[in-house]
Amino acid sequence: MDKELVDPFIINALKEDIGDGDHTSLATIPEGTIGKARLLVKDHGILAGVELAKEIFHIVDPKLKLTIFINDGAEIKPKDIVLEVEGSVHCILKAERLVLNCMQRMSGIATQTDHIVDLLKGTNTQVLDTRKTTPGMRYLDKWAVRIGGGVNHRFGLYDMILIKDNHVDYSGGIRQAIENTHEYMTAHHKKLSIEIEVRNLDELEEVLQTGGVDRILLDNFNFADLKQAVNMIEGRYITEASGGITIDNVREYANCGVDYISIGALTHSVKCLDLSLKAVRPGK
């Protein structure tokens, strides 16, 4: 966990939620009340966000005591108890919604990723995420993909060169885009991996003739063209397929021989897992 990214996110999210006070809790529960709550599972899937939850509770109140029963990456089912938290009831309730919002989303992403990883077993293809993430939550979204067994693509615009169709069109063509990229990196003393997107076999042939890249993104190829593209590349470059890939056809795309498949739906269309945080009444 990168605390330099995570802690400011937590602090800002708490400010957004709490404002000048959790007036419902302050109005109904006497100050100093101590209690316990359990995080309960109401769905099937892969658990993600436990380490984040620990950090949220710690930032809200370092005196809160946590007991963890299930860790990130584990399969979960309804009625499982993930953790117990004990301490100031006001602090538990301050943390409740942020913990649930993050864990439900992260667990949904991890579950979807795990399912696709399972579908790809027996192939040499791995699943990648994309930048199609919720603003402000990209680190958490990509963290959840890793928990689910997937692989992170670039984090942002700064850590890799990805020449997409718009870049090609604006720069005047594939060869010009690649040449411009190398001139830029030389001038700015950058050492970044270069990936280029191609839309058809003609563009692929131009990339192969030009060279100067590390990875080729084959976008919206049909199965016949994708197989031909992999044969043309002959292992000289890392291959990635994207566009129109779903749970129903991901295995067929993998069977075309690409190294990676990128799926934006891992993070932009996630179904959150159902979790809840419930008070433990005395004697229970």
C-alpha atoms as a PDB file:
ATOM      1  CA  MET A   1       0.000   0.000   0.000  1.00  0.00           C
ATOM      2  CA  ASP A   2       1.359   3.381  -1.021  1.00  0.00           C
ATOM      3  CA  LYS A   3       0.442   5.528   1.982  1.00  0.00           C
ATOM      4  CA  GLU A   4       1.447   8.713   0.141  1.00  0.00           C
ATOM      5  CA  LEU A   5      -1.438   8.080  -2.262  1.00  0.00           C
ATOM      6  CA  VAL A   6      -3.860   6.326   0.064  1.00  0.00           C
ATOM      7  CA  ASP A   7      -3.779   8.573   3.134  1.00  0.00           C
ATOM      8  CA  PRO A   8      -4.696  11.833   1.338  1.00  0.00           C
ATOM      9  CA  PHE A   9      -7.541   9.970  -0.391  1.00  0.00           C
ATOM     10  CA  ILE A  10      -8.854   8.774   2.978  1.00  0.00           C
ATOM     11  CA  ILE A  11      -8.538  12.191   4.598  1.00  0.00           C
ATOM     12  CA  ASN A  12     -10.329  13.958   1.735  1.00  0.00           C
ATOM     13  CA  ALA A  13     -13.077  11.328   1.619  1.00  0.00           C
ATOM     14  CA  LEU A  14     -13.672  11.669   5.355  1.00  0.00           C
ATOM     15  CA  LYS A  15     -13.853  15.461   5.075  1.00  0.00           C
ATOM     16  CA  GLU A  16     -16.370  15.131   2.257  1.00  0.00           C
ATOM     17  CA  ASP A  17     -18.577  12.850   4.362  1.00  0.00           C
ATOM     18  CA  ILE A  18     -18.248  14.269   7.862  1.00  0.00           C
ATOM     19  CA  GLY A  19     -18.157  18.010   7.215  1.00  0.00           C
ATOM     20  CA  ASP A  20     -18.560  19.790  10.577  1.00  0.00           C
ATOM     21  CA  GLY A  21     -19.674  16.614  12.327  1.00  0.00           C
ATOM     22  CA  ASP A  22     -21.666  13.382  12.211  1.00  0.00           C
ATOM     23  CA  HIS A  23     -24.651  15.064  13.820  1.00  0.00           C
ATOM     24  CA  THR A  24     -26.866  11.972  13.819  1.00  0.00           C
ATOM     25  CA  SER A  25     -24.389   9.994  15.906  1.00  0.00           C
ATOM     26  CA  LEU A  26     -23.566  12.982  18.103  1.00  0.00           C
ATOM     27  CA  ALA A  27     -27.272  13.581  18.729  1.00  0.00           C
ATOM     28  CA  THR A  28     -28.309  10.002  19.468  1.00  0.00           C
ATOM     29  CA  ILE A  29     -25.318   8.317  21.118  1.00  0.00           C
ATOM     30  CA  PRO A  30     -23.731   9.599  24.337  1.00  0.00           C
ATOM     31  CA  GLU A  31     -20.143  10.763  23.994  1.00  0.00           C
ATOM     32  CA  GLY A  32     -17.604   8.148  25.055  1.00  0.00           C
ATOM     33  CA  THR A  33     -19.817   5.156  24.203  1.00  0.00           C
ATOM     34  CA  ILE A  34     -17.700   2.073  23.436  1.00  0.00           C
ATOM     35  CA  GLY A  35     -18.954  -0.677  21.166  1.00  0.00           C
ATOM     36  CA  LYS A  36     -18.141  -3.334  18.613  1.00  0.00           C
ATOM     37  CA  ALA A  37     -19.161  -3.891  14.988  1.00  0.00           C
ATOM     38  CA  ARG A  38     -18.686  -6.698  12.483  1.00  0.00           C
ATOM     39  CA  LEU A  39     -18.157  -6.423   8.746  1.00  0.00           C
ATOM     40  CA  LEU A  40     -20.509  -9.003   7.244  1.00  0.00           C
ATOM     41  CA  VAL A  41     -20.539 -10.555   3.768  1.00  0.00           C
ATOM     42  CA  LYS A  42     -23.849 -10.777   1.880  1.00  0.00           C
ATOM     43  CA  ASP A  43     -22.525 -11.898  -1.508  1.00  0.00           C
ATOM     44  CA  HIS A  44     -20.219 -14.399  -3.221  1.00  0.00           C
ATOM     45  CA  GLY A  45     -16.875 -13.233  -4.598  1.00  0.00           C
ATOM     46  CA  ILE A  46     -13.278 -12.272  -3.919  1.00  0.00           C
ATOM     47  CA  LEU A  47     -12.536 -10.020  -0.970  1.00  0.00           C
ATOM     48  CA  ALA A  48     -10.514  -6.843  -1.524  1.00  0.00           C
ATOM     49  CA  GLY A  49      -9.891  -3.728   0.544  1.00  0.00           C
ATOM     50  CA  VAL A  50      -9.112  -5.190   3.971  1.00  0.00           C
ATOM     51  CA  GLU A  51      -5.709  -3.486   4.139  1.00  0.00           C
ATOM     52  CA  LEU A  52      -7.345  -0.238   3.085  1.00  0.00           C
ATOM     53  CA  ALA A  53     -10.042  -0.635   5.747  1.00  0.00           C
ATOM     54  CA  LYS A  54      -7.358  -1.035   8.393  1.00  0.00           C
ATOM     55  CA  GLU A  55      -5.817   2.259   7.303  1.00  0.00           C
ATOM     56  CA  ILE A  56      -9.191   4.037   7.281  1.00  0.00           C
ATOM     57  CA  PHE A  57     -10.013   2.918  10.811  1.00  0.00           C
ATOM     58  CA  HIS A  58      -6.512   3.870  11.967  1.00  0.00           C
ATOM     59  CA  ILE A  59      -6.771   7.389  10.505  1.00  0.00           C
ATOM     60  CA  VAL A  60     -10.221   7.909  12.026  1.00  0.00           C
ATOM     61  CA  ASP A  61      -9.050   6.701  15.449  1.00  0.00           C
ATOM     62  CA  PRO A  62      -5.737   4.909  16.132  1.00  0.00           C
ATOM     63  CA  LYS A  63      -7.292   3.519  19.321  1.00  0.00           C
ATOM     64  CA  LEU A  64      -9.822   1.395  17.420  1.00  0.00           C
ATOM     65  CA  LYS A  65      -9.020  -2.303  17.828  1.00  0.00           C
ATOM     66  CA  LEU A  66      -9.375  -4.495  14.743  1.00  0.00           C
ATOM     67  CA  THR A  67      -9.542  -8.265  14.534  1.00  0.00           C
ATOM     68  CA  ILE A  68      -9.177  -9.546  10.957  1.00  0.00           C
ATOM     69  CA  PHE A  69     -10.707 -12.929  10.112  1.00  0.00           C
ATOM     70  CA  ILE A  70     -10.454 -12.921   6.292  1.00  0.00           C
ATOM     71  CA  ASN A  71      -7.717 -11.312   4.213  1.00  0.00           C
ATOM     72  CA  ASP A  72      -7.576  -9.754   0.751  1.00  0.00           C
ATOM     73  CA  GLY A  73      -7.807 -12.237  -2.111  1.00  0.00           C
ATOM     74  CA  ALA A  74      -9.871 -14.814  -0.237  1.00  0.00           C
ATOM     75  CA  GLU A  75     -13.104 -16.270  -1.564  1.00  0.00           C
ATOM     76  CA  ILE A  76     -16.069 -15.090   0.471  1.00  0.00           C
ATOM     77  CA  LYS A  77     -19.703 -16.102   0.822  1.00  0.00           C
ATOM     78  CA  PRO A  78     -22.807 -14.772   2.579  1.00  0.00           C
ATOM     79  CA  LYS A  79     -22.656 -14.747   6.404  1.00  0.00           C
ATOM     80  CA  ASP A  80     -18.839 -14.659   6.482  1.00  0.00           C
ATOM     81  CA  ILE A  81     -17.386 -12.208   9.003  1.00  0.00           C
ATOM     82  CA  VAL A  82     -14.450 -10.273   7.572  1.00  0.00           C
ATOM     83  CA  LEU A  83     -13.438  -8.316  10.651  1.00  0.00           C
ATOM     84  CA  GLU A  84     -14.482  -6.921  13.989  1.00  0.00           C
ATOM     85  CA  VAL A  85     -13.764  -3.385  15.102  1.00  0.00           C
ATOM     86  CA  GLU A  86     -14.044  -2.242  18.713  1.00  0.00           C
ATOM     87  CA  GLY A  87     -13.761   1.178  20.311  1.00  0.00           C
ATOM     88  CA  SER A  88     -15.452   4.569  20.145  1.00  0.00           C
ATOM     89  CA  VAL A  89     -18.854   4.121  18.530  1.00  0.00           C
ATOM     90  CA  HIS A  90     -18.707   7.656  17.119  1.00  0.00           C
ATOM     91  CA  CYS A  91     -15.438   6.800  15.351  1.00  0.00           C
ATOM     92  CA  ILE A  92     -16.695   3.446  14.070  1.00  0.00           C
ATOM     93  CA  LEU A  93     -19.686   5.187  12.500  1.00  0.00           C
ATOM     94  CA  LYS A  94     -17.488   7.898  10.972  1.00  0.00           C
ATOM     95  CA  ALA A  95     -15.452   5.225   9.203  1.00  0.00           C
ATOM     96  CA  GLU A  96     -18.353   2.928   8.287  1.00  0.00           C
ATOM     97  CA  ARG A  97     -19.477   4.294   4.924  1.00  0.00           C
ATOM     98  CA  LEU A  98     -15.988   4.962   3.553  1.00  0.00           C
ATOM     99  CA  VAL A  99     -14.891   1.441   4.488  1.00  0.00           C
ATOM    100  CA  LEU A 100     -17.949  -0.103   2.852  1.00  0.00           C
ATOM    101  CA  ASN A 101     -17.880   2.057  -0.283  1.00  0.00           C
ATOM    102  CA  CYS A 102     -14.243   1.197  -0.943  1.00  0.00           C
ATOM    103  CA  MET A 103     -14.390  -2.479  -0.017  1.00  0.00           C
ATOM    104  CA  GLN A 104     -17.586  -3.140  -1.973  1.00  0.00           C
ATOM    105  CA  ARG A 105     -16.116  -1.580  -5.115  1.00  0.00           C
ATOM    106  CA  MET A 106     -12.697  -3.178  -4.723  1.00  0.00           C
ATOM    107  CA  SER A 107     -14.225  -6.590  -4.042  1.00  0.00           C
ATOM    108  CA  GLY A 108     -16.408  -6.246  -7.136  1.00  0.00           C
ATOM    109  CA  ILE A 109     -13.366  -5.464  -9.275  1.00  0.00           C
ATOM    110  CA  ALA A 110     -11.352  -8.305  -7.751  1.00  0.00           C
ATOM    111  CA  THR A 111     -14.230 -10.728  -8.301  1.00  0.00           C
ATOM    112  CA  GLN A 112     -14.654  -9.769 -11.959  1.00  0.00           C
ATOM    113  CA  THR A 113     -10.904  -9.975 -12.532  1.00  0.00           C
ATOM    114  CA  ASP A 114     -10.656 -13.354 -10.832  1.00  0.00           C
ATOM    115  CA  HIS A 115     -13.437 -14.684 -13.065  1.00  0.00           C
ATOM    116  CA  ILE A 116     -11.636 -13.591 -16.226  1.00  0.00           C
ATOM    117  CA  VAL A 117      -8.306 -14.962 -14.982  1.00  0.00           C
ATOM    118  CA  ASP A 118     -10.059 -18.282 -14.465  1.00  0.00           C
ATOM    119  CA  LEU A 119     -11.437 -18.185 -18.013  1.00  0.00           C
ATOM    120  CA  LEU A 120      -7.897 -17.636 -19.338  1.00  0.00           C
ATOM    121  CA  LYS A 121      -6.375 -20.652 -17.559  1.00  0.00           C
ATOM    122  CA  GLY A 122      -4.463 -22.876 -19.939  1.00  0.00           C
ATOM    123  CA  THR A 123      -3.558 -19.986 -22.256  1.00  0.00           C
ATOM    124  CA  ASN A 124      -0.488 -17.758 -22.145  1.00  0.00           C
ATOM    125  CA  THR A 125      -2.648 -14.621 -22.014  1.00  0.00           C
ATOM    126  CA  GLN A 126      -2.985 -12.296 -19.038  1.00  0.00           C
ATOM    127  CA  VAL A 127      -5.693  -9.705 -18.388  1.00  0.00           C
ATOM    128  CA  LEU A 128      -4.834  -6.011 -18.091  1.00  0.00           C
ATOM    129  CA  ASP A 129      -6.760  -3.092 -16.651  1.00  0.00           C
ATOM    130  CA  THR A 130      -6.973   0.351 -18.293  1.00  0.00           C
ATOM    131  CA  ARG A 131      -7.202   4.031 -17.304  1.00  0.00           C
ATOM    132  CA  LYS A 132     -11.016   3.746 -17.322  1.00  0.00           C
ATOM    133  CA  THR A 133     -11.175   4.189 -13.575  1.00  0.00           C
ATOM    134  CA  THR A 134     -13.116   6.398 -11.178  1.00  0.00           C
ATOM    135  CA  PRO A 135     -11.265   9.735 -10.774  1.00  0.00           C
ATOM    136  CA  GLY A 136      -9.484   9.827  -7.450  1.00  0.00           C
ATOM    137  CA  MET A 137      -9.793   6.062  -6.982  1.00  0.00           C
ATOM    138  CA  ARG A 138      -7.436   4.784  -9.678  1.00  0.00           C
ATOM    139  CA  TYR A 139      -4.909   3.420  -7.183  1.00  0.00           C
ATOM    140  CA  LEU A 140      -7.653   1.478  -5.390  1.00  0.00           C
ATOM    141  CA  ASP A 141      -9.173   0.195  -8.648  1.00  0.00           C
ATOM    142  CA  LYS A 142      -5.825  -1.061  -9.909  1.00  0.00           C
ATOM    143  CA  TRP A 143      -4.963  -2.495  -6.490  1.00  0.00           C
ATOM    144  CA  ALA A 144      -8.185  -4.528  -6.659  1.00  0.00           C
ATOM    145  CA  VAL A 145      -7.261  -5.822 -10.131  1.00  0.00           C
ATOM    146  CA  ARG A 146      -3.986  -7.144  -8.711  1.00  0.00           C
ATOM    147  CA  ILE A 147      -5.806  -8.784  -5.808  1.00  0.00           C
ATOM    148  CA  GLY A 148      -8.040 -10.518  -8.366  1.00  0.00           C
ATOM    149  CA  GLY A 149      -5.017 -11.906 -10.225  1.00  0.00           C
ATOM    150  CA  GLY A 150      -4.877  -9.389 -13.072  1.00  0.00           C
ATOM    151  CA  VAL A 151      -1.999  -7.220 -14.264  1.00  0.00           C
ATOM    152  CA  ASN A 152      -1.826  -3.437 -14.120  1.00  0.00           C
ATOM    153  CA  HIS A 153      -1.276  -1.512 -17.346  1.00  0.00           C
ATOM    154  CA  ARG A 154       0.238   1.979 -17.098  1.00  0.00           C
ATOM    155  CA  PHE A 155      -0.982   3.957 -14.115  1.00  0.00           C
ATOM    156  CA  GLY A 156      -1.337   7.262 -15.917  1.00  0.00           C
ATOM    157  CA  LEU A 157      -0.150   9.391 -18.800  1.00  0.00           C
ATOM    158  CA  TYR A 158       3.306   9.817 -17.280  1.00  0.00           C
ATOM    159  CA  ASP A 159       4.707   6.295 -16.824  1.00  0.00           C
ATOM    160  CA  MET A 160       4.487   4.893 -20.370  1.00  0.00           C
ATOM    161  CA  ILE A 161       4.144   6.051 -23.966  1.00  0.00           C
ATOM    162  CA  LEU A 162       0.917   4.721 -25.510  1.00  0.00           C
ATOM    163  CA  ILE A 163       0.455   6.023 -29.040  1.00  0.00           C
ATOM    164  CA  LYS A 164      -3.252   5.626 -29.782  1.00  0.00           C
ATOM    165  CA  ASP A 165      -5.270   6.320 -32.914  1.00  0.00           C
ATOM    166  CA  ASN A 166      -5.771  10.014 -32.091  1.00  0.00           C
ATOM    167  CA  HIS A 167      -2.039  10.485 -31.557  1.00  0.00           C
ATOM    168  CA  VAL A 168      -1.334   8.815 -34.894  1.00  0.00           C
ATOM    169  CA  ASP A 169      -3.902  10.928 -36.724  1.00  0.00           C
ATOM    170  CA  TYR A 170      -2.820  14.223 -35.137  1.00  0.00           C
ATOM    171  CA  SER A 171       0.879  13.577 -35.713  1.00  0.00           C
ATOM    172  CA  GLY A 172       0.464  12.700 -39.387  1.00  0.00           C
ATOM    173  CA  GLY A 173       0.804   8.935 -39.400  1.00  0.00           C
ATOM    174  CA  ILE A 174       2.395   5.946 -37.707  1.00  0.00           C
ATOM    175  CA  ARG A 175       5.986   6.511 -38.795  1.00  0.00           C
ATOM    176  CA  GLN A 176       5.836  10.187 -37.861  1.00  0.00           C
ATOM    177  CA  ALA A 177       4.300   9.405 -34.457  1.00  0.00           C
ATOM    178  CA  ILE A 178       7.054   6.915 -33.627  1.00  0.00           C
ATOM    179  CA  GLU A 179       9.829   9.191 -34.871  1.00  0.00           C
ATOM    180  CA  ASN A 180       8.392  12.141 -32.935  1.00  0.00           C
ATOM    181  CA  THR A 181       8.271   9.973 -29.806  1.00  0.00           C
ATOM    182  CA  HIS A 182      11.941   9.043 -29.993  1.00  0.00           C
ATOM    183  CA  GLU A 183      12.948  12.642 -30.636  1.00  0.00           C
ATOM    184  CA  TYR A 184      10.912  13.745 -27.614  1.00  0.00           C
ATOM    185  CA  MET A 185      12.381  11.124 -25.290  1.00  0.00           C
ATOM    186  CA  THR A 186      15.913  11.958 -26.378  1.00  0.00           C
ATOM    187  CA  ALA A 187      15.345  15.675 -25.873  1.00  0.00           C
ATOM    188  CA  HIS A 188      13.749  15.186 -22.448  1.00  0.00           C
ATOM    189  CA  HIS A 189      15.998  12.333 -21.262  1.00  0.00           C
ATOM    190  CA  LYS A 190      13.064   9.962 -20.818  1.00  0.00           C
ATOM    191  CA  LYS A 191      13.251   6.191 -20.776  1.00  0.00           C
ATOM    192  CA  LEU A 192       9.705   4.915 -21.168  1.00  0.00           C
ATOM    193  CA  SER A 193       8.247   1.820 -22.776  1.00  0.00           C
ATOM    194  CA  ILE A 194       6.495   2.547 -26.065  1.00  0.00           C
ATOM    195  CA  GLU A 195       3.254   0.927 -27.138  1.00  0.00           C
ATOM    196  CA  ILE A 196       1.372   1.758 -30.320  1.00  0.00           C
ATOM    197  CA  GLU A 197      -2.221   1.018 -31.268  1.00  0.00           C
ATOM    198  CA  VAL A 198      -3.042  -0.289 -34.741  1.00  0.00           C
ATOM    199  CA  ARG A 199      -6.511  -0.547 -36.255  1.00  0.00           C
ATOM    200  CA  ASN A 200      -5.874  -2.972 -39.101  1.00  0.00           C
ATOM    201  CA  LEU A 201      -3.256  -5.189 -40.724  1.00  0.00           C
ATOM    202  CA  ASP A 202      -1.995  -2.378 -42.983  1.00  0.00           C
ATOM    203  CA  GLU A 203      -1.178  -0.230 -39.980  1.00  0.00           C
ATOM    204  CA  LEU A 204       0.458  -3.223 -38.313  1.00  0.00           C
ATOM    205  CA  GLU A 205       2.676  -3.742 -41.362  1.00  0.00           C
ATOM    206  CA  GLU A 206       3.737  -0.095 -41.168  1.00  0.00           C
ATOM    207  CA  VAL A 207       4.677  -0.479 -37.509  1.00  0.00           C
ATOM    208  CA  LEU A 208       6.681  -3.616 -38.286  1.00  0.00           C
ATOM    209  CA  GLN A 209       8.560  -1.776 -41.013  1.00  0.00           C
ATOM    210  CA  THR A 210       9.210   1.248 -38.775  1.00  0.00           C
ATOM    211  CA  GLY A 211      10.111  -0.530 -35.510  1.00  0.00           C
ATOM    212  CA  GLY A 212      11.064   1.439 -32.432  1.00  0.00           C
ATOM    213  CA  VAL A 213       8.281   0.190 -30.138  1.00  0.00           C
ATOM    214  CA  ASP A 214       8.020  -2.352 -27.340  1.00  0.00           C
ATOM    215  CA  ARG A 215       4.373  -3.396 -27.534  1.00  0.00           C
ATOM    216  CA  ILE A 216       1.644  -3.421 -30.182  1.00  0.00           C
ATOM    217  CA  LEU A 217      -2.005  -2.892 -29.270  1.00  0.00           C
ATOM    218  CA  LEU A 218      -4.331  -4.637 -31.725  1.00  0.00           C
ATOM    219  CA  ASP A 219      -7.596  -2.752 -31.397  1.00  0.00           C
ATOM    220  CA  ASN A 220     -10.986  -4.114 -32.467  1.00  0.00           C
ATOM    221  CA  PHE A 221      -9.523  -6.911 -34.596  1.00  0.00           C
ATOM    222  CA  ASN A 222     -11.722  -9.844 -35.557  1.00  0.00           C
ATOM    223  CA  PHE A 223     -10.430 -13.302 -34.678  1.00  0.00           C
ATOM    224  CA  ALA A 224      -9.069 -14.112 -38.138  1.00  0.00           C
ATOM    225  CA  ASP A 225      -7.155 -10.837 -38.397  1.00  0.00           C
ATOM    226  CA  LEU A 226      -5.923 -11.123 -34.816  1.00  0.00           C
ATOM    227  CA  LYS A 227      -4.442 -14.560 -35.492  1.00  0.00           C
ATOM    228  CA  GLN A 228      -2.822 -13.235 -38.666  1.00  0.00           C
ATOM    229  CA  ALA A 229      -1.456 -10.237 -36.764  1.00  0.00           C
ATOM    230  CA  VAL A 230       0.142 -12.474 -34.122  1.00  0.00           C
ATOM    231  CA  ASN A 231       1.732 -14.524 -36.896  1.00  0.00           C
ATOM    232  CA  MET A 232       3.057 -11.370 -38.590  1.00  0.00           C
ATOM    233  CA  ILE A 233       4.590 -10.116 -35.338  1.00  0.00           C
ATOM    234  CA  GLU A 234       6.309 -13.489 -34.745  1.00  0.00           C
ATOM    235  CA  GLY A 235       7.100 -12.772 -31.116  1.00  0.00           C
ATOM    236  CA  ARG A 236       9.195  -9.670 -31.897  1.00  0.00           C
ATOM    237  CA  TYR A 237       6.925  -7.450 -29.820  1.00  0.00           C
ATOM    238  CA  ILE A 238       4.605  -7.874 -26.867  1.00  0.00           C
ATOM    239  CA  THR A 239       1.031  -8.126 -28.128  1.00  0.00           C
ATOM    240  CA  GLU A 240      -2.152  -6.776 -26.586  1.00  0.00           C
ATOM    241  CA  ALA A 241      -5.730  -7.090 -27.801  1.00  0.00           C
ATOM    242  CA  SER A 242      -8.515  -4.677 -26.863  1.00  0.00           C
ATOM    243  CA  GLY A 243     -11.949  -3.542 -27.986  1.00  0.00           C
ATOM    244  CA  GLY A 244     -15.173  -5.525 -27.860  1.00  0.00           C
ATOM    245  CA  ILE A 245     -13.791  -8.108 -25.454  1.00  0.00           C
ATOM    246  CA  THR A 246     -16.303  -9.575 -23.004  1.00  0.00           C
ATOM    247  CA  ILE A 247     -16.576 -12.505 -20.634  1.00  0.00           C
ATOM    248  CA  ASP A 248     -18.302 -14.440 -23.405  1.00  0.00           C
ATOM    249  CA  ASN A 249     -15.489 -14.082 -25.957  1.00  0.00           C
ATOM    250  CA  VAL A 250     -12.348 -13.473 -23.870  1.00  0.00           C
ATOM    251  CA  ARG A 251     -11.206 -17.075 -24.160  1.00  0.00           C
ATOM    252  CA  GLU A 252     -11.489 -16.976 -27.952  1.00  0.00           C
ATOM    253  CA  TYR A 253      -9.402 -13.803 -28.056  1.00  0.00           C
ATOM    254  CA  ALA A 254      -6.774 -15.464 -25.869  1.00  0.00           C
ATOM    255  CA  ASN A 255      -6.705 -18.475 -28.183  1.00  0.00           C
ATOM    256  CA  CYS A 256      -5.493 -16.130 -30.948  1.00  0.00           C
ATOM    257  CA  GLY A 257      -2.140 -16.046 -29.155  1.00  0.00           C
ATOM    258  CA  VAL A 258      -1.871 -12.519 -27.748  1.00  0.00           C
ATOM    259  CA  ASP A 259       0.185 -11.868 -24.611  1.00  0.00           C
ATOM    260  CA  TYR A 260      -2.351  -9.544 -22.995  1.00  0.00           C
ATOM    261  CA  ILE A 261      -6.003  -8.652 -23.195  1.00  0.00           C
ATOM    262  CA  SER A 262      -7.069  -5.261 -21.826  1.00  0.00           C
ATOM    263  CA  ILE A 263     -10.621  -4.865 -20.556  1.00  0.00           C
ATOM    264  CA  GLY A 264     -11.925  -1.484 -19.443  1.00  0.00           C
ATOM    265  CA  ALA A 265     -15.019  -3.086 -17.938  1.00  0.00           C
ATOM    266  CA  LEU A 266     -12.896  -4.454 -15.092  1.00  0.00           C
ATOM    267  CA  THR A 267     -13.095  -1.016 -13.531  1.00  0.00           C
ATOM    268  CA  HIS A 268     -15.659   1.107 -15.403  1.00  0.00           C
ATOM    269  CA  SER A 269     -18.641  -1.267 -15.167  1.00  0.00           C
ATOM    270  CA  VAL A 270     -18.038  -3.045 -11.905  1.00  0.00           C
ATOM    271  CA  LYS A 271     -20.839  -4.615  -9.859  1.00  0.00           C
ATOM    272  CA  CYS A 272     -20.055  -3.963  -6.220  1.00  0.00           C
ATOM    273  CA  LEU A 273     -20.196  -6.846  -3.755  1.00  0.00           C
ATOM    274  CA  ASP A 274     -22.750  -6.505  -0.963  1.00  0.00           C
ATOM    275  CA  LEU A 275     -21.080  -5.952   2.421  1.00  0.00           C
ATOM    276  CA  SER A 276     -22.384  -4.383   5.622  1.00  0.00           C
ATOM    277  CA  LEU A 277     -21.058  -3.187   8.967  1.00  0.00           C
ATOM    278  CA  LYS A 278     -23.382  -4.103  11.832  1.00  0.00           C
ATOM    279  CA  ALA A 279     -23.294  -3.212  15.503  1.00  0.00           C
ATOM    280  CA  VAL A 280     -22.723  -6.099  17.891  1.00  0.00           C
ATOM    281  CA  ARG A 281     -25.299  -5.746  20.629  1.00  0.00           C
ATOM    282  CA  PRO A 282     -24.202  -6.557  24.193  1.00  0.00           C
ATOM    283  CA  GLY A 283     -24.399 -10.265  24.908  1.00  0.00           C
ATOM    284  CA  LYS A 284     -24.306 -11.218  21.197  1.00  0.00           C
END
